[in-house]
Amino acid sequence: MNVEIKKFLYDIRESIESIENYLGNERDFSVYLSNKMLRRAVEREFEIIGEAMNRIERLDPKIKISSKKQIINMRNRVIHGYDKIDDEIVWGTIVRHLPTLKIEISKLLK
């Protein structure tokens, strides 16, 4: 695997771990909603994940990650539609899709 792609995969893994650390073990949506700094931090990590995915896609579109396009689209929405971010969608992504992405990234890094 290309060294550059590995670097982007590490960046994605680090951002996923950061989101997990920010949220802690309790994962409470009401806490997330009430903490602007937490929401902004999570959004920033999604920007990093999406940008790294975009660069991976450009370097090697054959790399298998199940939701590449959705991840890149979410990055674009967070950056360009900052005033229309739906916290429920972000939270749903954290709960339903981040664990799968973490597994896929870990497998690719092995």
PDB file of N, CA and C in Angstrom:
ATOM      1  N   MET A   1       0.849  -1.190   0.000  1.00  0.00           N
ATOM      2  CA  MET A   1       0.000   0.000   0.000  1.00  0.00           C
ATOM      3  C   MET A   1       0.890   1.246   0.000  1.00  0.00           C
ATOM      4  N   ASN A   2       0.470   2.217  -0.747  1.00  0.00           N
ATOM      5  CA  ASN A   2       1.141   3.510  -0.855  1.00  0.00           C
ATOM      6  C   ASN A   2       1.317   4.146   0.537  1.00  0.00           C
ATOM      7  N   VAL A   3       2.487   4.703   0.788  1.00  0.00           N
ATOM      8  CA  VAL A   3       2.784   5.337   2.088  1.00  0.00           C
ATOM      9  C   VAL A   3       1.826   6.500   2.355  1.00  0.00           C
ATOM     10  N   GLU A   4       1.513   7.255   1.336  1.00  0.00           N
ATOM     11  CA  GLU A   4       0.591   8.381   1.495  1.00  0.00           C
ATOM     12  C   GLU A   4      -0.793   7.905   1.928  1.00  0.00           C
ATOM     13  N   ILE A   5      -1.256   6.828   1.317  1.00  0.00           N
ATOM     14  CA  ILE A   5      -2.567   6.285   1.677  1.00  0.00           C
ATOM     15  C   ILE A   5      -2.553   5.819   3.130  1.00  0.00           C
ATOM     16  N   LYS A   6      -1.475   5.168   3.543  1.00  0.00           N
ATOM     17  CA  LYS A   6      -1.368   4.730   4.938  1.00  0.00           C
ATOM     18  C   LYS A   6      -1.450   5.915   5.891  1.00  0.00           C
ATOM     19  N   LYS A   7      -0.805   7.016   5.530  1.00  0.00           N
ATOM     20  CA  LYS A   7      -0.842   8.217   6.364  1.00  0.00           C
ATOM     21  C   LYS A   7      -2.280   8.717   6.521  1.00  0.00           C
ATOM     22  N   PHE A   8      -3.028   8.726   5.409  1.00  0.00           N
ATOM     23  CA  PHE A   8      -4.420   9.172   5.472  1.00  0.00           C
ATOM     24  C   PHE A   8      -5.272   8.210   6.299  1.00  0.00           C
ATOM     25  N   LEU A   9      -5.001   6.915   6.203  1.00  0.00           N
ATOM     26  CA  LEU A   9      -5.721   5.933   7.013  1.00  0.00           C
ATOM     27  C   LEU A   9      -5.432   6.148   8.499  1.00  0.00           C
ATOM     28  N   TYR A  10      -4.181   6.435   8.825  1.00  0.00           N
ATOM     29  CA  TYR A  10      -3.835   6.751  10.222  1.00  0.00           C
ATOM     30  C   TYR A  10      -4.559   8.006  10.688  1.00  0.00           C
ATOM     31  N   ASP A  11      -4.644   9.013   9.814  1.00  0.00           N
ATOM     32  CA  ASP A  11      -5.363  10.245  10.167  1.00  0.00           C
ATOM     33  C   ASP A  11      -6.829   9.950  10.471  1.00  0.00           C
ATOM     34  N   ILE A  12      -7.439   9.099   9.656  1.00  0.00           N
ATOM     35  CA  ILE A  12      -8.843   8.730   9.872  1.00  0.00           C
ATOM     36  C   ILE A  12      -8.982   8.003  11.210  1.00  0.00           C
ATOM     37  N   ARG A  13      -8.098   7.050  11.454  1.00  0.00           N
ATOM     38  CA  ARG A  13      -8.171   6.295  12.707  1.00  0.00           C
ATOM     39  C   ARG A  13      -8.002   7.235  13.907  1.00  0.00           C
ATOM     40  N   GLU A  14      -7.073   8.166  13.807  1.00  0.00           N
ATOM     41  CA  GLU A  14      -6.852   9.108  14.900  1.00  0.00           C
ATOM     42  C   GLU A  14      -8.084   9.994  15.133  1.00  0.00           C
ATOM     43  N   SER A  15      -8.729  10.430  14.072  1.00  0.00           N
ATOM     44  CA  SER A  15      -9.933  11.255  14.221  1.00  0.00           C
ATOM     45  C   SER A  15     -11.081  10.466  14.832  1.00  0.00           C
ATOM     46  N   ILE A  16     -11.229   9.208  14.434  1.00  0.00           N
ATOM     47  CA  ILE A  16     -12.269   8.361  15.034  1.00  0.00           C
ATOM     48  C   ILE A  16     -12.007   8.211  16.532  1.00  0.00           C
ATOM     49  N   GLU A  17     -10.756   7.939  16.898  1.00  0.00           N
ATOM     50  CA  GLU A  17     -10.405   7.791  18.311  1.00  0.00           C
ATOM     51  C   GLU A  17     -10.625   9.097  19.072  1.00  0.00           C
ATOM     52  N   SER A  18     -10.352  10.221  18.424  1.00  0.00           N
ATOM     53  CA  SER A  18     -10.596  11.517  19.075  1.00  0.00           C
ATOM     54  C   SER A  18     -12.079  11.707  19.354  1.00  0.00           C
ATOM     55  N   ILE A  19     -12.928  11.400  18.377  1.00  0.00           N
ATOM     56  CA  ILE A  19     -14.378  11.520  18.577  1.00  0.00           C
ATOM     57  C   ILE A  19     -14.809  10.637  19.747  1.00  0.00           C
ATOM     58  N   GLU A  20     -14.309   9.403  19.766  1.00  0.00           N
ATOM     59  CA  GLU A  20     -14.656   8.496  20.867  1.00  0.00           C
ATOM     60  C   GLU A  20     -14.214   9.073  22.214  1.00  0.00           C
ATOM     61  N   ASN A  21     -13.015   9.649  22.255  1.00  0.00           N
ATOM     62  CA  ASN A  21     -12.518  10.244  23.503  1.00  0.00           C
ATOM     63  C   ASN A  21     -13.328  11.461  23.917  1.00  0.00           C
ATOM     64  N   TYR A  22     -13.690  12.298  22.947  1.00  0.00           N
ATOM     65  CA  TYR A  22     -14.490  13.489  23.269  1.00  0.00           C
ATOM     66  C   TYR A  22     -15.821  13.094  23.914  1.00  0.00           C
ATOM     67  N   LEU A  23     -16.426  12.035  23.387  1.00  0.00           N
ATOM     68  CA  LEU A  23     -17.764  11.644  23.836  1.00  0.00           C
ATOM     69  C   LEU A  23     -17.742  10.813  25.112  1.00  0.00           C
ATOM     70  N   GLY A  24     -16.636  10.165  25.404  1.00  0.00           N
ATOM     71  CA  GLY A  24     -16.560   9.311  26.583  1.00  0.00           C
ATOM     72  C   GLY A  24     -17.416   8.070  26.422  1.00  0.00           C
ATOM     73  N   ASN A  25     -17.605   7.364  27.501  1.00  0.00           N
ATOM     74  CA  ASN A  25     -18.336   6.097  27.467  1.00  0.00           C
ATOM     75  C   ASN A  25     -19.845   6.262  27.492  1.00  0.00           C
ATOM     76  N   GLU A  26     -20.320   7.392  27.999  1.00  0.00           N
ATOM     77  CA  GLU A  26     -21.762   7.551  28.192  1.00  0.00           C
ATOM     78  C   GLU A  26     -22.527   7.857  26.915  1.00  0.00           C
ATOM     79  N   ARG A  27     -21.921   8.536  26.000  1.00  0.00           N
ATOM     80  CA  ARG A  27     -22.554   8.837  24.705  1.00  0.00           C
ATOM     81  C   ARG A  27     -23.989   9.340  24.855  1.00  0.00           C
ATOM     82  N   ASP A  28     -24.121  10.522  25.375  1.00  0.00           N
ATOM     83  CA  ASP A  28     -25.422  11.112  25.647  1.00  0.00           C
ATOM     84  C   ASP A  28     -25.696  12.222  24.636  1.00  0.00           C
ATOM     85  N   PHE A  29     -26.736  12.046  23.818  1.00  0.00           N
ATOM     86  CA  PHE A  29     -27.069  13.020  22.786  1.00  0.00           C
ATOM     87  C   PHE A  29     -27.411  14.382  23.382  1.00  0.00           C
ATOM     88  N   SER A  30     -28.081  14.408  24.526  1.00  0.00           N
ATOM     89  CA  SER A  30     -28.443  15.706  25.124  1.00  0.00           C
ATOM     90  C   SER A  30     -27.193  16.459  25.582  1.00  0.00           C
ATOM     91  N   VAL A  31     -26.185  15.735  26.057  1.00  0.00           N
ATOM     92  CA  VAL A  31     -24.914  16.370  26.427  1.00  0.00           C
ATOM     93  C   VAL A  31     -24.244  16.918  25.176  1.00  0.00           C
ATOM     94  N   TYR A  32     -24.259  16.131  24.109  1.00  0.00           N
ATOM     95  CA  TYR A  32     -23.689  16.563  22.832  1.00  0.00           C
ATOM     96  C   TYR A  32     -24.360  17.854  22.349  1.00  0.00           C
ATOM     97  N   LEU A  33     -25.683  17.872  22.389  1.00  0.00           N
ATOM     98  CA  LEU A  33     -26.432  19.055  21.928  1.00  0.00           C
ATOM     99  C   LEU A  33     -26.143  20.296  22.761  1.00  0.00           C
ATOM    100  N   SER A  34     -25.940  20.109  24.042  1.00  0.00           N
ATOM    101  CA  SER A  34     -25.781  21.265  24.934  1.00  0.00           C
ATOM    102  C   SER A  34     -24.349  21.803  24.982  1.00  0.00           C
ATOM    103  N   ASN A  35     -23.415  21.136  24.315  1.00  0.00           N
ATOM    104  CA  ASN A  35     -22.018  21.531  24.397  1.00  0.00           C
ATOM    105  C   ASN A  35     -21.499  21.940  23.015  1.00  0.00           C
ATOM    106  N   LYS A  36     -21.529  23.225  22.756  1.00  0.00           N
ATOM    107  CA  LYS A  36     -21.111  23.734  21.448  1.00  0.00           C
ATOM    108  C   LYS A  36     -19.668  23.372  21.116  1.00  0.00           C
ATOM    109  N   MET A  37     -18.790  23.454  22.101  1.00  0.00           N
ATOM    110  CA  MET A  37     -17.380  23.141  21.855  1.00  0.00           C
ATOM    111  C   MET A  37     -17.219  21.659  21.457  1.00  0.00           C
ATOM    112  N   LEU A  38     -17.955  20.784  22.090  1.00  0.00           N
ATOM    113  CA  LEU A  38     -17.929  19.365  21.753  1.00  0.00           C
ATOM    114  C   LEU A  38     -18.434  19.143  20.330  1.00  0.00           C
ATOM    115  N   ARG A  39     -19.542  19.780  19.981  1.00  0.00           N
ATOM    116  CA  ARG A  39     -20.087  19.632  18.628  1.00  0.00           C
ATOM    117  C   ARG A  39     -19.080  20.110  17.581  1.00  0.00           C
ATOM    118  N   ARG A  40     -18.467  21.256  17.833  1.00  0.00           N
ATOM    119  CA  ARG A  40     -17.483  21.796  16.875  1.00  0.00           C
ATOM    120  C   ARG A  40     -16.262  20.889  16.756  1.00  0.00           C
ATOM    121  N   ALA A  41     -15.835  20.320  17.869  1.00  0.00           N
ATOM    122  CA  ALA A  41     -14.688  19.412  17.845  1.00  0.00           C
ATOM    123  C   ALA A  41     -15.012  18.164  17.023  1.00  0.00           C
ATOM    124  N   VAL A  42     -16.188  17.607  17.215  1.00  0.00           N
ATOM    125  CA  VAL A  42     -16.601  16.426  16.455  1.00  0.00           C
ATOM    126  C   VAL A  42     -16.728  16.773  14.972  1.00  0.00           C
ATOM    127  N   GLU A  43     -17.310  17.917  14.679  1.00  0.00           N
ATOM    128  CA  GLU A  43     -17.436  18.342  13.276  1.00  0.00           C
ATOM    129  C   GLU A  43     -16.066  18.470  12.623  1.00  0.00           C
ATOM    130  N   ARG A  44     -15.104  19.022  13.349  1.00  0.00           N
ATOM    131  CA  ARG A  44     -13.744  19.159  12.811  1.00  0.00           C
ATOM    132  C   ARG A  44     -13.139  17.797  12.506  1.00  0.00           C
ATOM    133  N   GLU A  45     -13.347  16.829  13.383  1.00  0.00           N
ATOM    134  CA  GLU A  45     -12.827  15.484  13.138  1.00  0.00           C
ATOM    135  C   GLU A  45     -13.487  14.865  11.903  1.00  0.00           C
ATOM    136  N   PHE A  46     -14.764  15.140  11.697  1.00  0.00           N
ATOM    137  CA  PHE A  46     -15.427  14.649  10.479  1.00  0.00           C
ATOM    138  C   PHE A  46     -14.863  15.329   9.233  1.00  0.00           C
ATOM    139  N   GLU A  47     -14.483  16.589   9.356  1.00  0.00           N
ATOM    140  CA  GLU A  47     -13.823  17.262   8.230  1.00  0.00           C
ATOM    141  C   GLU A  47     -12.522  16.545   7.875  1.00  0.00           C
ATOM    142  N   ILE A  48     -11.741  16.204   8.886  1.00  0.00           N
ATOM    143  CA  ILE A  48     -10.465  15.518   8.670  1.00  0.00           C
ATOM    144  C   ILE A  48     -10.704  14.140   8.054  1.00  0.00           C
ATOM    145  N   ILE A  49     -11.655  13.400   8.609  1.00  0.00           N
ATOM    146  CA  ILE A  49     -11.968  12.073   8.079  1.00  0.00           C
ATOM    147  C   ILE A  49     -12.369  12.173   6.608  1.00  0.00           C
ATOM    148  N   GLY A  50     -13.246  13.116   6.296  1.00  0.00           N
ATOM    149  CA  GLY A  50     -13.729  13.273   4.921  1.00  0.00           C
ATOM    150  C   GLY A  50     -12.642  13.715   3.957  1.00  0.00           C
ATOM    151  N   GLU A  51     -11.789  14.607   4.397  1.00  0.00           N
ATOM    152  CA  GLU A  51     -10.700  15.075   3.524  1.00  0.00           C
ATOM    153  C   GLU A  51      -9.693  13.958   3.281  1.00  0.00           C
ATOM    154  N   ALA A  52      -9.347  13.220   4.316  1.00  0.00           N
ATOM    155  CA  ALA A  52      -8.432  12.087   4.144  1.00  0.00           C
ATOM    156  C   ALA A  52      -9.040  11.047   3.203  1.00  0.00           C
ATOM    157  N   MET A  53     -10.338  10.797   3.343  1.00  0.00           N
ATOM    158  CA  MET A  53     -11.021   9.841   2.466  1.00  0.00           C
ATOM    159  C   MET A  53     -11.015  10.328   1.023  1.00  0.00           C
ATOM    160  N   ASN A  54     -11.230  11.607   0.840  1.00  0.00           N
ATOM    161  CA  ASN A  54     -11.209  12.206  -0.489  1.00  0.00           C
ATOM    162  C   ASN A  54      -9.837  12.010  -1.144  1.00  0.00           C
ATOM    163  N   ARG A  55      -8.793  12.209  -0.382  1.00  0.00           N
ATOM    164  CA  ARG A  55      -7.433  12.045  -0.914  1.00  0.00           C
ATOM    165  C   ARG A  55      -7.130  10.577  -1.222  1.00  0.00           C
ATOM    166  N   ILE A  56      -7.595   9.681  -0.372  1.00  0.00           N
ATOM    167  CA  ILE A  56      -7.435   8.247  -0.641  1.00  0.00           C
ATOM    168  C   ILE A  56      -8.142   7.882  -1.937  1.00  0.00           C
ATOM    169  N   GLU A  57      -9.342   8.377  -2.089  1.00  0.00           N
ATOM    170  CA  GLU A  57     -10.144   8.088  -3.293  1.00  0.00           C
ATOM    171  C   GLU A  57      -9.419   8.555  -4.555  1.00  0.00           C
ATOM    172  N   ARG A  58      -8.789   9.719  -4.476  1.00  0.00           N
ATOM    173  CA  ARG A  58      -8.050  10.230  -5.640  1.00  0.00           C
ATOM    174  C   ARG A  58      -6.808   9.389  -5.944  1.00  0.00           C
ATOM    175  N   LEU A  59      -6.134   8.925  -4.902  1.00  0.00           N
ATOM    176  CA  LEU A  59      -4.911   8.141  -5.090  1.00  0.00           C
ATOM    177  C   LEU A  59      -5.197   6.710  -5.541  1.00  0.00           C
ATOM    178  N   ASP A  60      -6.236   6.099  -4.960  1.00  0.00           N
ATOM    179  CA  ASP A  60      -6.556   4.712  -5.299  1.00  0.00           C
ATOM    180  C   ASP A  60      -8.044   4.443  -5.079  1.00  0.00           C
ATOM    181  N   PRO A  61      -8.855   4.664  -6.115  1.00  0.00           N
ATOM    182  CA  PRO A  61     -10.301   4.468  -5.971  1.00  0.00           C
ATOM    183  C   PRO A  61     -10.715   3.017  -5.713  1.00  0.00           C
ATOM    184  N   LYS A  62      -9.785   2.082  -5.848  1.00  0.00           N
ATOM    185  CA  LYS A  62     -10.112   0.666  -5.656  1.00  0.00           C
ATOM    186  C   LYS A  62     -10.088   0.253  -4.184  1.00  0.00           C
ATOM    187  N   ILE A  63      -9.578   1.102  -3.320  1.00  0.00           N
ATOM    188  CA  ILE A  63      -9.537   0.758  -1.894  1.00  0.00           C
ATOM    189  C   ILE A  63     -10.972   0.598  -1.393  1.00  0.00           C
ATOM    190  N   LYS A  64     -11.201  -0.510  -0.719  1.00  0.00           N
ATOM    191  CA  LYS A  64     -12.551  -0.868  -0.280  1.00  0.00           C
ATOM    192  C   LYS A  64     -12.866  -0.281   1.094  1.00  0.00           C
ATOM    193  N   ILE A  65     -13.705   0.738   1.068  1.00  0.00           N
ATOM    194  CA  ILE A  65     -14.285   1.298   2.288  1.00  0.00           C
ATOM    195  C   ILE A  65     -15.754   1.506   1.956  1.00  0.00           C
ATOM    196  N   SER A  66     -16.618   0.891   2.746  1.00  0.00           N
ATOM    197  CA  SER A  66     -18.026   0.765   2.371  1.00  0.00           C
ATOM    198  C   SER A  66     -18.762   2.084   2.137  1.00  0.00           C
ATOM    199  N   SER A  67     -18.428   3.113   2.828  1.00  0.00           N
ATOM    200  CA  SER A  67     -19.215   4.344   2.697  1.00  0.00           C
ATOM    201  C   SER A  67     -18.346   5.543   2.300  1.00  0.00           C
ATOM    202  N   LYS A  68     -17.405   5.314   1.403  1.00  0.00           N
ATOM    203  CA  LYS A  68     -16.484   6.385   0.981  1.00  0.00           C
ATOM    204  C   LYS A  68     -17.215   7.641   0.513  1.00  0.00           C
ATOM    205  N   LYS A  69     -18.141   7.475  -0.387  1.00  0.00           N
ATOM    206  CA  LYS A  69     -18.846   8.641  -0.964  1.00  0.00           C
ATOM    207  C   LYS A  69     -19.639   9.398   0.093  1.00  0.00           C
ATOM    208  N   GLN A  70     -20.315   8.670   0.983  1.00  0.00           N
ATOM    209  CA  GLN A  70     -21.098   9.324   2.032  1.00  0.00           C
ATOM    210  C   GLN A  70     -20.194  10.096   2.993  1.00  0.00           C
ATOM    211  N   ILE A  71     -19.019   9.534   3.272  1.00  0.00           N
ATOM    212  CA  ILE A  71     -18.075  10.209   4.166  1.00  0.00           C
ATOM    213  C   ILE A  71     -17.593  11.513   3.536  1.00  0.00           C
ATOM    214  N   ILE A  72     -17.247  11.453   2.265  1.00  0.00           N
ATOM    215  CA  ILE A  72     -16.789  12.649   1.544  1.00  0.00           C
ATOM    216  C   ILE A  72     -17.916  13.678   1.467  1.00  0.00           C
ATOM    217  N   ASN A  73     -19.137  13.218   1.208  1.00  0.00           N
ATOM    218  CA  ASN A  73     -20.287  14.133   1.152  1.00  0.00           C
ATOM    219  C   ASN A  73     -20.553  14.789   2.503  1.00  0.00           C
ATOM    220  N   MET A  74     -20.376  14.022   3.580  1.00  0.00           N
ATOM    221  CA  MET A  74     -20.588  14.604   4.913  1.00  0.00           C
ATOM    222  C   MET A  74     -19.557  15.695   5.179  1.00  0.00           C
ATOM    223  N   ARG A  75     -18.320  15.462   4.806  1.00  0.00           N
ATOM    224  CA  ARG A  75     -17.272  16.469   4.948  1.00  0.00           C
ATOM    225  C   ARG A  75     -17.671  17.745   4.224  1.00  0.00           C
ATOM    226  N   ASN A  76     -18.164  17.599   3.013  1.00  0.00           N
ATOM    227  CA  ASN A  76     -18.570  18.769   2.225  1.00  0.00           C
ATOM    228  C   ASN A  76     -19.719  19.514   2.891  1.00  0.00           C
ATOM    229  N   ARG A  77     -20.674  18.765   3.444  1.00  0.00           N
ATOM    230  CA  ARG A  77     -21.805  19.415   4.131  1.00  0.00           C
ATOM    231  C   ARG A  77     -21.334  20.162   5.373  1.00  0.00           C
ATOM    232  N   VAL A  78     -20.410  19.549   6.125  1.00  0.00           N
ATOM    233  CA  VAL A  78     -19.926  20.192   7.358  1.00  0.00           C
ATOM    234  C   VAL A  78     -19.160  21.472   7.023  1.00  0.00           C
ATOM    235  N   ILE A  79     -18.329  21.413   5.991  1.00  0.00           N
ATOM    236  CA  ILE A  79     -17.514  22.582   5.641  1.00  0.00           C
ATOM    237  C   ILE A  79     -18.334  23.668   4.945  1.00  0.00           C
ATOM    238  N   HIS A  80     -19.086  23.280   3.941  1.00  0.00           N
ATOM    239  CA  HIS A  80     -19.771  24.285   3.117  1.00  0.00           C
ATOM    240  C   HIS A  80     -21.171  24.636   3.623  1.00  0.00           C
ATOM    241  N   GLY A  81     -21.758  23.735   4.389  1.00  0.00           N
ATOM    242  CA  GLY A  81     -23.097  23.998   4.897  1.00  0.00           C
ATOM    243  C   GLY A  81     -23.092  24.118   6.404  1.00  0.00           C
ATOM    244  N   TYR A  82     -22.056  24.775   6.930  1.00  0.00           N
ATOM    245  CA  TYR A  82     -21.881  24.880   8.384  1.00  0.00           C
ATOM    246  C   TYR A  82     -23.128  25.412   9.087  1.00  0.00           C
ATOM    247  N   ASP A  83     -23.900  26.228   8.392  1.00  0.00           N
ATOM    248  CA  ASP A  83     -25.089  26.824   8.999  1.00  0.00           C
ATOM    249  C   ASP A  83     -26.310  25.911   8.928  1.00  0.00           C
ATOM    250  N   LYS A  84     -26.152  24.752   8.290  1.00  0.00           N
ATOM    251  CA  LYS A  84     -27.279  23.830   8.130  1.00  0.00           C
ATOM    252  C   LYS A  84     -26.944  22.436   8.644  1.00  0.00           C
ATOM    253  N   ILE A  85     -25.988  22.335   9.552  1.00  0.00           N
ATOM    254  CA  ILE A  85     -25.592  21.030  10.079  1.00  0.00           C
ATOM    255  C   ILE A  85     -26.713  20.493  10.955  1.00  0.00           C
ATOM    256  N   ASP A  86     -27.109  19.269  10.671  1.00  0.00           N
ATOM    257  CA  ASP A  86     -28.150  18.603  11.441  1.00  0.00           C
ATOM    258  C   ASP A  86     -27.464  17.728  12.498  1.00  0.00           C
ATOM    259  N   ASP A  87     -27.589  18.131  13.751  1.00  0.00           N
ATOM    260  CA  ASP A  87     -26.921  17.409  14.837  1.00  0.00           C
ATOM    261  C   ASP A  87     -27.392  15.967  14.953  1.00  0.00           C
ATOM    262  N   GLU A  88     -28.638  15.699  14.608  1.00  0.00           N
ATOM    263  CA  GLU A  88     -29.143  14.333  14.663  1.00  0.00           C
ATOM    264  C   GLU A  88     -28.461  13.446  13.613  1.00  0.00           C
ATOM    265  N   ILE A  89     -28.180  13.998  12.447  1.00  0.00           N
ATOM    266  CA  ILE A  89     -27.473  13.236  11.416  1.00  0.00           C
ATOM    267  C   ILE A  89     -26.040  12.956  11.857  1.00  0.00           C
ATOM    268  N   VAL A  90     -25.375  13.960  12.410  1.00  0.00           N
ATOM    269  CA  VAL A  90     -24.018  13.771  12.905  1.00  0.00           C
ATOM    270  C   VAL A  90     -24.022  12.694  13.993  1.00  0.00           C
ATOM    271  N   TRP A  91     -24.956  12.785  14.923  1.00  0.00           N
ATOM    272  CA  TRP A  91     -25.030  11.807  16.009  1.00  0.00           C
ATOM    273  C   TRP A  91     -25.314  10.405  15.456  1.00  0.00           C
ATOM    274  N   GLY A  92     -26.234  10.307  14.520  1.00  0.00           N
ATOM    275  CA  GLY A  92     -26.539   9.010  13.906  1.00  0.00           C
ATOM    276  C   GLY A  92     -25.320   8.415  13.223  1.00  0.00           C
ATOM    277  N   THR A  93     -24.523   9.262  12.597  1.00  0.00           N
ATOM    278  CA  THR A  93     -23.294   8.813  11.954  1.00  0.00           C
ATOM    279  C   THR A  93     -22.318   8.283  12.993  1.00  0.00           C
ATOM    280  N   ILE A  94     -22.214   8.968  14.109  1.00  0.00           N
ATOM    281  CA  ILE A  94     -21.324   8.534  15.188  1.00  0.00           C
ATOM    282  C   ILE A  94     -21.743   7.155  15.697  1.00  0.00           C
ATOM    283  N   VAL A  95     -23.016   6.997  15.938  1.00  0.00           N
ATOM    284  CA  VAL A  95     -23.521   5.772  16.559  1.00  0.00           C
ATOM    285  C   VAL A  95     -23.557   4.600  15.573  1.00  0.00           C
ATOM    286  N   ARG A  96     -24.018   4.850  14.352  1.00  0.00           N
ATOM    287  CA  ARG A  96     -24.236   3.746  13.417  1.00  0.00           C
ATOM    288  C   ARG A  96     -23.084   3.468  12.468  1.00  0.00           C
ATOM    289  N   HIS A  97     -22.361   4.491  12.049  1.00  0.00           N
ATOM    290  CA  HIS A  97     -21.386   4.289  10.976  1.00  0.00           C
ATOM    291  C   HIS A  97     -19.925   4.343  11.416  1.00  0.00           C
ATOM    292  N   LEU A  98     -19.628   5.088  12.453  1.00  0.00           N
ATOM    293  CA  LEU A  98     -18.233   5.203  12.890  1.00  0.00           C
ATOM    294  C   LEU A  98     -17.631   3.865  13.338  1.00  0.00           C
ATOM    295  N   PRO A  99     -18.381   3.022  14.065  1.00  0.00           N
ATOM    296  CA  PRO A  99     -17.797   1.728  14.447  1.00  0.00           C
ATOM    297  C   PRO A  99     -17.402   0.865  13.241  1.00  0.00           C
ATOM    298  N   THR A 100     -18.215   0.863  12.202  1.00  0.00           N
ATOM    299  CA  THR A 100     -17.903   0.099  10.992  1.00  0.00           C
ATOM    300  C   THR A 100     -16.677   0.673  10.304  1.00  0.00           C
ATOM    301  N   LEU A 101     -16.616   1.985  10.202  1.00  0.00           N
ATOM    302  CA  LEU A 101     -15.463   2.630   9.574  1.00  0.00           C
ATOM    303  C   LEU A 101     -14.192   2.304  10.349  1.00  0.00           C
ATOM    304  N   LYS A 102     -14.273   2.319  11.656  1.00  0.00           N
ATOM    305  CA  LYS A 102     -13.101   2.015  12.486  1.00  0.00           C
ATOM    306  C   LYS A 102     -12.580   0.608  12.194  1.00  0.00           C
ATOM    307  N   ILE A 103     -13.471  -0.351  12.079  1.00  0.00           N
ATOM    308  CA  ILE A 103     -13.092  -1.733  11.769  1.00  0.00           C
ATOM    309  C   ILE A 103     -12.446  -1.809  10.387  1.00  0.00           C
ATOM    310  N   GLU A 104     -13.064  -1.168   9.403  1.00  0.00           N
ATOM    311  CA  GLU A 104     -12.513  -1.199   8.038  1.00  0.00           C
ATOM    312  C   GLU A 104     -11.136  -0.576   7.970  1.00  0.00           C
ATOM    313  N   ILE A 105     -10.934   0.535   8.643  1.00  0.00           N
ATOM    314  CA  ILE A 105      -9.638   1.207   8.642  1.00  0.00           C
ATOM    315  C   ILE A 105      -8.591   0.333   9.322  1.00  0.00           C
ATOM    316  N   SER A 106      -8.960  -0.272  10.444  1.00  0.00           N
ATOM    317  CA  SER A 106      -8.027  -1.154  11.151  1.00  0.00           C
ATOM    318  C   SER A 106      -7.587  -2.313  10.271  1.00  0.00           C
ATOM    319  N   LYS A 107      -8.508  -2.903   9.541  1.00  0.00           N
ATOM    320  CA  LYS A 107      -8.175  -4.014   8.641  1.00  0.00           C
ATOM    321  C   LYS A 107      -7.226  -3.563   7.535  1.00  0.00           C
ATOM    322  N   LEU A 108      -7.464  -2.376   6.997  1.00  0.00           N
ATOM    323  CA  LEU A 108      -6.603  -1.859   5.928  1.00  0.00           C
ATOM    324  C   LEU A 108      -5.199  -1.557   6.439  1.00  0.00           C
ATOM    325  N   LEU A 109      -5.078  -1.181   7.688  1.00  0.00           N
ATOM    326  CA  LEU A 109      -3.770  -0.832   8.253  1.00  0.00           C
ATOM    327  C   LEU A 109      -2.964  -2.071   8.664  1.00  0.00           C
ATOM    328  N   LYS A 110      -3.597  -3.230   8.702  1.00  0.00           N
ATOM    329  CA  LYS A 110      -2.861  -4.454   9.080  1.00  0.00           C
ATOM    330  C   LYS A 110      -2.012  -4.956   7.949  1.00  0.00           C
TER     331      LYS A 110
END
